Amino acid sequence: VQLQASGGGLVQAGGSLRLSCAASGRTFSSATMAWFRQAPGKEREFVAAIRRSSGITFYADSVKGRFTISRDNAKKTVYLQMNSLKPEDTAVYYCAVGDGVINSSVRRMGSYAYWGQGTLVTVSS
């Protein structure tokens, strides 16, 4: 599985961006697709995830109500719509895919075997 993330850029606080992550190769029927982010000098953290089959979503508290994760299974693409962006959202955003991820492990990096290259989001104040 190869993942290609795109859509990052520079935006002012309060603005919006939409990230995309296109997958190629093998498709897992029980896949979970997720976004993580890593700010300078900080550890990578969970942002959002979505079940490929059911569309059930999971969010970090810090982005709930501002970010929306969605997927287009026909295009093998997952999206992250980011609204009301804040300077603390500045980070490299990574998409990831895992198979058979249970609810209690959705937020763990180790649950995801496949990772994209990351796309930089910079929010200016």
N, C-alpha and C. Protein backbone atom coordinates (compact mmCIF):
# COMPACT_ATOMS: atom_id res chain seq x y z
N VAL A 1 0.84 -1.18 0.00
CA VAL A 1 0.00 0.00 0.00
C VAL A 1 0.88 1.24 0.00
N GLN A 2 0.63 2.12 -0.93
CA GLN A 2 1.34 3.40 -0.97
C GLN A 2 0.33 4.52 -0.73
N LEU A 3 0.74 5.50 0.06
CA LEU A 3 -0.13 6.61 0.40
C LEU A 3 0.53 7.91 -0.02
N GLN A 4 -0.24 8.76 -0.67
CA GLN A 4 0.26 10.05 -1.13
C GLN A 4 -0.61 11.15 -0.56
N ALA A 5 -0.04 11.92 0.36
CA ALA A 5 -0.77 13.02 1.00
C ALA A 5 -0.51 14.32 0.25
N SER A 6 -1.53 15.16 0.22
CA SER A 6 -1.40 16.46 -0.43
C SER A 6 -2.38 17.44 0.20
N GLY A 7 -2.22 18.72 -0.16
CA GLY A 7 -3.16 19.74 0.27
C GLY A 7 -2.66 20.68 1.34
N GLY A 8 -1.47 20.44 1.85
CA GLY A 8 -0.94 21.32 2.86
C GLY A 8 -0.57 22.67 2.29
N GLY A 9 -0.28 23.61 3.19
CA GLY A 9 0.10 24.94 2.75
C GLY A 9 0.09 25.92 3.88
N LEU A 10 0.18 27.20 3.53
CA LEU A 10 0.18 28.28 4.50
C LEU A 10 -1.21 28.93 4.52
N VAL A 11 -1.76 29.09 5.70
CA VAL A 11 -3.08 29.69 5.85
C VAL A 11 -3.10 30.56 7.09
N GLN A 12 -3.92 31.59 7.07
CA GLN A 12 -4.05 32.43 8.26
C GLN A 12 -4.96 31.78 9.28
N ALA A 13 -4.78 32.15 10.52
CA ALA A 13 -5.63 31.65 11.59
C ALA A 13 -7.09 31.95 11.26
N GLY A 14 -7.94 30.96 11.49
CA GLY A 14 -9.35 31.08 11.16
C GLY A 14 -9.70 30.56 9.78
N GLY A 15 -8.68 30.27 8.99
CA GLY A 15 -8.89 29.79 7.65
C GLY A 15 -9.12 28.30 7.59
N SER A 16 -9.19 27.79 6.35
CA SER A 16 -9.49 26.38 6.12
C SER A 16 -8.52 25.77 5.11
N LEU A 17 -8.33 24.48 5.25
CA LEU A 17 -7.58 23.69 4.28
C LEU A 17 -8.21 22.32 4.20
N ARG A 18 -8.05 21.66 3.05
CA ARG A 18 -8.49 20.28 2.93
C ARG A 18 -7.31 19.43 2.48
N LEU A 19 -6.99 18.46 3.29
CA LEU A 19 -5.93 17.50 2.96
C LEU A 19 -6.54 16.28 2.29
N SER A 20 -5.78 15.70 1.39
CA SER A 20 -6.18 14.47 0.72
C SER A 20 -5.09 13.43 0.87
N CYS A 21 -5.49 12.18 0.89
CA CYS A 21 -4.54 11.08 0.95
C CYS A 21 -5.04 9.99 0.02
N ALA A 22 -4.33 9.79 -1.07
CA ALA A 22 -4.71 8.79 -2.06
C ALA A 22 -3.92 7.52 -1.84
N ALA A 23 -4.61 6.41 -1.81
CA ALA A 23 -3.98 5.11 -1.60
C ALA A 23 -3.91 4.35 -2.90
N SER A 24 -2.87 3.58 -3.05
CA SER A 24 -2.74 2.68 -4.21
C SER A 24 -2.25 1.34 -3.71
N GLY A 25 -2.54 0.32 -4.50
CA GLY A 25 -2.14 -1.01 -4.10
C GLY A 25 -3.27 -1.75 -3.42
N ARG A 26 -2.91 -2.61 -2.50
CA ARG A 26 -3.87 -3.49 -1.85
C ARG A 26 -4.94 -2.71 -1.08
N THR A 27 -6.16 -3.23 -1.10
CA THR A 27 -7.25 -2.65 -0.35
C THR A 27 -7.68 -3.62 0.74
N PHE A 28 -7.81 -3.14 1.96
CA PHE A 28 -8.24 -3.96 3.08
C PHE A 28 -9.71 -3.66 3.37
N SER A 29 -10.53 -4.71 3.41
CA SER A 29 -11.96 -4.51 3.65
C SER A 29 -12.22 -3.96 5.04
N SER A 30 -11.36 -4.28 5.99
CA SER A 30 -11.54 -3.82 7.37
C SER A 30 -10.56 -2.71 7.72
N ALA A 31 -10.21 -1.90 6.74
CA ALA A 31 -9.21 -0.88 6.96
C ALA A 31 -9.75 0.30 7.79
N THR A 32 -8.85 0.90 8.52
CA THR A 32 -9.08 2.18 9.17
C THR A 32 -8.05 3.15 8.63
N MET A 33 -8.53 4.31 8.22
CA MET A 33 -7.65 5.34 7.68
C MET A 33 -7.59 6.48 8.67
N ALA A 34 -6.40 7.02 8.86
CA ALA A 34 -6.22 8.00 9.91
C ALA A 34 -5.29 9.13 9.48
N TRP A 35 -5.41 10.22 10.21
CA TRP A 35 -4.48 11.33 10.10
C TRP A 35 -3.80 11.53 11.45
N PHE A 36 -2.50 11.69 11.40
CA PHE A 36 -1.70 12.08 12.55
C PHE A 36 -0.97 13.37 12.19
N ARG A 37 -0.43 14.04 13.17
CA ARG A 37 0.37 15.22 12.90
C ARG A 37 1.54 15.31 13.87
N GLN A 38 2.57 15.99 13.40
CA GLN A 38 3.75 16.17 14.24
C GLN A 38 4.22 17.61 14.12
N ALA A 39 4.13 18.33 15.22
CA ALA A 39 4.60 19.70 15.28
C ALA A 39 6.10 19.72 15.58
N PRO A 40 6.78 20.79 15.23
CA PRO A 40 8.22 20.87 15.49
C PRO A 40 8.54 20.63 16.97
N GLY A 41 9.44 19.71 17.22
CA GLY A 41 9.87 19.44 18.58
C GLY A 41 8.91 18.63 19.42
N LYS A 42 7.85 18.15 18.79
CA LYS A 42 6.85 17.38 19.54
C LYS A 42 6.69 15.99 18.95
N GLU A 43 6.04 15.14 19.70
CA GLU A 43 5.78 13.79 19.23
C GLU A 43 4.60 13.79 18.26
N ARG A 44 4.57 12.79 17.41
CA ARG A 44 3.45 12.64 16.49
C ARG A 44 2.20 12.29 17.30
N GLU A 45 1.09 12.92 16.92
CA GLU A 45 -0.14 12.71 17.67
C GLU A 45 -1.31 12.41 16.73
N PHE A 46 -2.27 11.71 17.28
CA PHE A 46 -3.48 11.34 16.54
C PHE A 46 -4.34 12.57 16.30
N VAL A 47 -4.94 12.61 15.09
CA VAL A 47 -5.86 13.69 14.76
C VAL A 47 -7.27 13.16 14.53
N ALA A 48 -7.40 12.22 13.60
CA ALA A 48 -8.73 11.70 13.26
C ALA A 48 -8.57 10.37 12.54
N ALA A 49 -9.63 9.58 12.56
CA ALA A 49 -9.63 8.30 11.86
C ALA A 49 -11.04 7.98 11.39
N ILE A 50 -11.10 7.13 10.37
CA ILE A 50 -12.40 6.73 9.82
C ILE A 50 -12.33 5.27 9.38
N ARG A 51 -13.39 4.55 9.67
CA ARG A 51 -13.49 3.16 9.23
C ARG A 51 -13.86 3.14 7.75
N ARG A 52 -13.13 2.37 6.98
CA ARG A 52 -13.37 2.32 5.55
C ARG A 52 -14.77 1.80 5.23
N SER A 53 -15.23 0.78 5.91
CA SER A 53 -16.50 0.15 5.58
C SER A 53 -17.69 0.90 6.17
N SER A 54 -17.65 1.24 7.45
CA SER A 54 -18.82 1.82 8.11
C SER A 54 -18.84 3.34 8.07
N GLY A 55 -17.68 3.95 7.90
CA GLY A 55 -17.61 5.40 7.95
C GLY A 55 -17.60 5.97 9.35
N ILE A 56 -17.55 5.14 10.36
CA ILE A 56 -17.48 5.62 11.74
C ILE A 56 -16.19 6.42 11.92
N THR A 57 -16.30 7.54 12.61
CA THR A 57 -15.16 8.45 12.76
C THR A 57 -14.72 8.59 14.21
N PHE A 58 -13.48 8.98 14.37
CA PHE A 58 -12.87 9.22 15.67
C PHE A 58 -12.06 10.52 15.55
N TYR A 59 -12.08 11.30 16.62
CA TYR A 59 -11.36 12.58 16.60
C TYR A 59 -10.60 12.81 17.89
N ALA A 60 -9.49 13.50 17.78
CA ALA A 60 -8.82 14.01 18.96
C ALA A 60 -9.64 15.17 19.52
N ASP A 61 -9.63 15.32 20.81
CA ASP A 61 -10.42 16.39 21.44
C ASP A 61 -10.01 17.77 20.91
N SER A 62 -8.75 17.92 20.57
CA SER A 62 -8.24 19.22 20.16
C SER A 62 -8.78 19.68 18.80
N VAL A 63 -9.32 18.76 18.01
CA VAL A 63 -9.81 19.13 16.68
C VAL A 63 -11.30 18.88 16.52
N LYS A 64 -11.93 18.28 17.50
CA LYS A 64 -13.35 17.95 17.41
C LYS A 64 -14.16 19.23 17.21
N GLY A 65 -15.05 19.18 16.21
CA GLY A 65 -15.87 20.34 15.91
C GLY A 65 -15.25 21.28 14.88
N ARG A 66 -13.96 21.11 14.61
CA ARG A 66 -13.27 21.95 13.62
C ARG A 66 -12.82 21.15 12.40
N PHE A 67 -12.42 19.91 12.62
CA PHE A 67 -11.94 19.06 11.54
C PHE A 67 -12.97 17.99 11.23
N THR A 68 -13.02 17.59 9.96
CA THR A 68 -13.90 16.52 9.53
C THR A 68 -13.13 15.56 8.64
N ILE A 69 -13.15 14.30 9.00
CA ILE A 69 -12.52 13.28 8.18
C ILE A 69 -13.60 12.58 7.35
N SER A 70 -13.28 12.28 6.10
CA SER A 70 -14.22 11.58 5.23
C SER A 70 -13.42 10.71 4.27
N ARG A 71 -14.13 9.84 3.56
CA ARG A 71 -13.43 8.99 2.62
C ARG A 71 -14.28 8.77 1.39
N ASP A 72 -13.61 8.50 0.28
CA ASP A 72 -14.25 8.11 -0.97
C ASP A 72 -13.64 6.76 -1.34
N ASN A 73 -14.36 5.71 -1.05
CA ASN A 73 -13.80 4.37 -1.25
C ASN A 73 -13.52 4.08 -2.72
N ALA A 74 -14.34 4.60 -3.60
CA ALA A 74 -14.13 4.36 -5.03
C ALA A 74 -12.80 4.97 -5.50
N LYS A 75 -12.43 6.08 -4.89
CA LYS A 75 -11.18 6.74 -5.25
C LYS A 75 -10.04 6.35 -4.33
N LYS A 76 -10.32 5.51 -3.34
CA LYS A 76 -9.31 5.11 -2.36
C LYS A 76 -8.65 6.34 -1.76
N THR A 77 -9.45 7.29 -1.39
CA THR A 77 -8.93 8.56 -0.89
C THR A 77 -9.62 8.93 0.41
N VAL A 78 -8.83 9.44 1.34
CA VAL A 78 -9.36 9.95 2.60
C VAL A 78 -9.04 11.43 2.65
N TYR A 79 -9.96 12.18 3.22
CA TYR A 79 -9.84 13.64 3.29
C TYR A 79 -9.84 14.12 4.74
N LEU A 80 -9.23 15.25 4.94
CA LEU A 80 -9.32 15.92 6.24
C LEU A 80 -9.64 17.38 5.97
N GLN A 81 -10.89 17.75 6.22
CA GLN A 81 -11.31 19.14 6.10
C GLN A 81 -11.01 19.84 7.40
N MET A 82 -10.20 20.87 7.33
CA MET A 82 -9.77 21.58 8.54
C MET A 82 -10.29 23.01 8.49
N ASN A 83 -11.15 23.33 9.42
CA ASN A 83 -11.73 24.67 9.52
C ASN A 83 -11.29 25.34 10.81
N SER A 84 -11.48 26.64 10.87
CA SER A 84 -11.13 27.41 12.07
C SER A 84 -9.73 27.07 12.56
N LEU A 85 -8.81 27.08 11.64
CA LEU A 85 -7.44 26.68 11.96
C LEU A 85 -6.79 27.64 12.95
N LYS A 86 -5.95 27.07 13.81
CA LYS A 86 -5.25 27.83 14.83
C LYS A 86 -3.73 27.66 14.62
N PRO A 87 -2.94 28.59 15.10
CA PRO A 87 -1.48 28.43 14.97
C PRO A 87 -0.98 27.11 15.56
N GLU A 88 -1.63 26.62 16.60
CA GLU A 88 -1.20 25.36 17.20
C GLU A 88 -1.52 24.14 16.34
N ASP A 89 -2.24 24.34 15.24
CA ASP A 89 -2.47 23.25 14.28
C ASP A 89 -1.30 23.09 13.33
N THR A 90 -0.34 24.00 13.39
CA THR A 90 0.83 23.92 12.52
C THR A 90 1.60 22.63 12.78
N ALA A 91 1.80 21.86 11.73
CA ALA A 91 2.46 20.55 11.86
C ALA A 91 2.60 19.92 10.48
N VAL A 92 3.36 18.86 10.44
CA VAL A 92 3.35 17.98 9.28
C VAL A 92 2.25 16.95 9.53
N TYR A 93 1.37 16.82 8.59
CA TYR A 93 0.24 15.91 8.72
C TYR A 93 0.51 14.64 7.90
N TYR A 94 0.32 13.51 8.55
CA TYR A 94 0.58 12.21 7.94
C TYR A 94 -0.71 11.42 7.87
N CYS A 95 -0.93 10.75 6.74
CA CYS A 95 -2.04 9.81 6.66
C CYS A 95 -1.49 8.40 6.87
N ALA A 96 -2.36 7.55 7.36
CA ALA A 96 -1.95 6.19 7.68
C ALA A 96 -3.12 5.23 7.47
N VAL A 97 -2.78 3.99 7.20
CA VAL A 97 -3.80 2.95 7.02
C VAL A 97 -3.43 1.75 7.87
N GLY A 98 -4.43 1.22 8.56
CA GLY A 98 -4.24 0.01 9.34
C GLY A 98 -5.36 -0.97 9.06
N ASP A 99 -5.10 -2.24 9.26
CA ASP A 99 -6.10 -3.28 9.04
C ASP A 99 -6.48 -3.91 10.37
N GLY A 100 -7.78 -4.06 10.59
CA GLY A 100 -8.23 -4.73 11.80
C GLY A 100 -7.95 -3.96 13.08
N VAL A 101 -8.03 -2.64 13.00
CA VAL A 101 -7.75 -1.79 14.17
C VAL A 101 -8.97 -1.77 15.09
N ILE A 102 -8.78 -2.14 16.34
CA ILE A 102 -9.90 -2.13 17.27
C ILE A 102 -10.08 -0.72 17.83
N ASN A 103 -11.28 -0.46 18.37
CA ASN A 103 -11.60 0.90 18.83
C ASN A 103 -10.59 1.45 19.83
N SER A 104 -10.16 0.62 20.74
CA SER A 104 -9.25 1.09 21.79
C SER A 104 -7.86 1.40 21.26
N SER A 105 -7.56 1.01 20.04
CA SER A 105 -6.23 1.22 19.46
C SER A 105 -6.23 2.21 18.31
N VAL A 106 -7.36 2.83 18.03
CA VAL A 106 -7.46 3.73 16.89
C VAL A 106 -6.48 4.88 16.99
N ARG A 107 -6.20 5.34 18.20
CA ARG A 107 -5.36 6.53 18.38
C ARG A 107 -3.87 6.20 18.51
N ARG A 108 -3.52 4.96 18.38
CA ARG A 108 -2.13 4.54 18.55
C ARG A 108 -1.41 4.44 17.22
N MET A 109 -0.22 5.02 17.12
CA MET A 109 0.55 4.96 15.88
C MET A 109 0.86 3.53 15.48
N GLY A 110 1.11 2.69 16.46
CA GLY A 110 1.48 1.31 16.17
C GLY A 110 0.38 0.48 15.52
N SER A 111 -0.84 1.01 15.50
CA SER A 111 -1.95 0.29 14.87
C SER A 111 -1.94 0.39 13.36
N TYR A 112 -1.09 1.25 12.83
CA TYR A 112 -1.10 1.55 11.40
C TYR A 112 0.22 1.11 10.75
N ALA A 113 0.10 0.24 9.77
CA ALA A 113 1.28 -0.33 9.13
C ALA A 113 1.78 0.50 7.96
N TYR A 114 0.90 1.32 7.40
CA TYR A 114 1.24 2.05 6.18
C TYR A 114 1.11 3.55 6.43
N TRP A 115 2.13 4.29 5.98
CA TRP A 115 2.18 5.73 6.23
C TRP A 115 2.53 6.49 4.95
N GLY A 116 1.91 7.66 4.81
CA GLY A 116 2.28 8.55 3.73
C GLY A 116 3.48 9.40 4.12
N GLN A 117 3.90 10.25 3.20
CA GLN A 117 5.12 11.02 3.38
C GLN A 117 4.92 12.29 4.19
N GLY A 118 3.70 12.71 4.39
CA GLY A 118 3.44 13.92 5.17
C GLY A 118 3.28 15.14 4.30
N THR A 119 2.44 16.06 4.78
CA THR A 119 2.24 17.33 4.10
C THR A 119 2.22 18.42 5.18
N LEU A 120 2.92 19.52 4.91
CA LEU A 120 3.11 20.56 5.91
C LEU A 120 1.94 21.54 5.90
N VAL A 121 1.39 21.77 7.08
CA VAL A 121 0.36 22.78 7.28
C VAL A 121 0.92 23.84 8.22
N THR A 122 0.92 25.08 7.76
CA THR A 122 1.40 26.19 8.57
C THR A 122 0.28 27.20 8.74
N VAL A 123 -0.05 27.49 9.98
CA VAL A 123 -1.12 28.45 10.29
C VAL A 123 -0.48 29.67 10.93
N SER A 124 -0.62 30.80 10.28
CA SER A 124 -0.03 32.03 10.79
C SER A 124 -1.04 32.78 11.65
N SER A 125 -0.52 33.48 12.64
CA SER A 125 -1.40 34.22 13.57
C SER A 125 -1.66 35.64 13.09
